[in-house]
Amino acid sequence: MSSPRLRVQFETLFEHYDGTDCGVQLEEITDILCCTRRNARIVLNKMEEEGWIEWHPSPGRGKLSQLNFRRSRSDVSENLARRYLEEGKVGHALKVLDQDPAKLAQVVESYLGVQQQEGRQVVRLPYYRPLLTLNPLKNIRRSERHIVRQIFSGLTKLDENEELKPDLAHTWEMITARHWRFYIRPAVRFHNGDLLTSDAIIESLRGLRTRRLFAHIEEITATQKNVIDIHLCRDDFHFPILLAESCAKILLPATSRSEEYDQFPIGTGPYKVAQNDEKRLVLQAFDGYFGFRPLIDSVEVWVIDDVHSSMVFPSLSKPIAPQAAVVNDEVELDPGCTYLLLNRRDGLAKSDEWAAYFSQRLSSLNVFHQLPQDKIVELGALPAHGLKPGWYHHTRQTAYTTPPSYRKVNIAYHAKHPMFPSLAKALEHLLKQDGLEVQLHTYDMEMPNIEDIDIWVKPMSIANHRDDAIAGWLLDYSDIEKMSRSEDFETWSEVITRWQSQESQGFPAHEIGKGLAHTQQLVPMFHCWLGVSKDQCGSLQNAKCNALGWFDFSQVWIKPVGEG
């Protein structure tokens, strides 16, 4: 790849000769570029290889060689910027475009959004970090949870209206509240061509029994071909909804998985992984999908520089971030919230006095006033007073609360997150105002030792707006069980168990949310706006934002340009 130095050297020649083809002597070039004759020849040859110039040398000293400019200065800058974008180096691309966001927007728009490649429809989306762990059994984050739903299938799923629908099971029936029967679609294949068998389904489902959410699974059998019976140790009238959780997706049998299965998983979903590395994730439509084949042939998620991630908006036709947050009917609040999880089992918050101090001093309003205004606008953050928008379970006391003693407070958060670094700094500032020492811990996939951390900055990352989504969050991927007092967690678990045992009872979401806040187990922080507005979709149709902040790749299509 050509270097920025070579581009600068080209610009120097272009400006000196005003972009006009001319006869020159090599000595002129050496003077202009301040280099030796040998280096001048090397530079000219490299420029010719790049297609920027034509260089016709004449033998002998004193004779004129011919220098023809094949590209303008802006052409070369844009060409180099495109190459940097291919490597995810938005910062470098901006630099060669003279730090001009408008020029960068033009180049970015030529690469991201809706594309046509050799008759194939491609959608390219920018993202601020790689998505290298796509195994639904791992402790994955919000965006990975969305991608997993494109790659894998479960026995059941939620449709775009968040209604429970068939997936690998075309129907099911409740024999009793402890015995569920699922009828499996025949001839379903994994992305590698392997046939989906009852044994593969049973293996995946049996693996769920180690999870609190599925601990009541007692036995799984295949009574007939394409018929799976699941026996429970207690009543659960709502069991099929649990099977729509990400962790309940059906995986390739363990003996058939490669060592890189986390990064290159194989499922039965509408898209398969074609490429996944530090630069981009490429998903290709699976022609053998048992449902409707996706209309978009390929979806590419491009990784951009962390430093410049806020500049590129996750959009389709206008990838550069708007100057101010715009809220409309297509953009809605995250159904959960960002929150502070207090370590009430091993941390300082094991003490009720410390828990009360953290809960009041680090209230959402106190922290909100410490955040940079541009970060608030960029993320569309609003103070949260409960787990879900509109809930008011956490109240701030008017009296000032002092720390029980002067200790070091350890705070952990995901380093690669658009909000968490700023949020952690705000927490640090408030605590230091009270004379406390603060140690910040960052992590990616592997969490620090739980007993070493007092406060965790966490996202809920629930996958839908349904109240019963809180069951999967609380019991499966919130880490609350590890941080809470045993008696508290058993109380919340029993609330869910009671709901499962009653056929017509609504999910007790408020009771759980209130309990988590009033026991000072967590402190709600912020709700954020999620969505893809119609103005950003361009020719892409049906790009309805889900609760994970993405749209279902398998449900969108490209409307031909020029159509009304």
Foldseek 3Di string as FASTA:
>chain_A
DDDLVLLVLLVQVCVVVVQDKDWDFLVVSCVSSVHDSVVSVVSVVVCVVVVQWDWADDDDPPGTTIIHGRDDSLRVLLVVLLVCVLQQENVVNCVSVVVDLVSSQVSVLVPAFWDADPNAIEHEWEDAFFLQFLQLQALDFQVSLQVLQQFFWWQWAADPVGDIAGTQFNDKDPPDLFKIKTAGDAQQAKLVGHGDFPVQLQVLLVVCCVFQLNVQFDDWDDPDGRMIMTGGNAGFLPVSVVRNGSSNTGADPPVPDDPSCRRQPMHRHQWGWPDGDGFKTKIAGRPRRPDDRFQHGMYMYGHHHNVCRLQACRFRNRRGDDPFADDDPLKDWQQFFWWKFFQCPQAPVVDVLQLVLCQALVAQVQLVVQFDPSLCGSFVKDFDCWGGPPDHQRDHDPDHRARPDAEEAEEEEAPRDSPVVRSVVSVCVSVVVNVHHYDYHHDHRDDDDSNVHGIYTDTQSQFANALCSVSCSLRGNVCLCVRDDVVLSVVLVVLVVVVRNDNPDGRPSSVNGNSCNVSSSMHGHIMTMAGHDPVRNVQKPPFRATSSRGGNSRPIHGHDPPDD
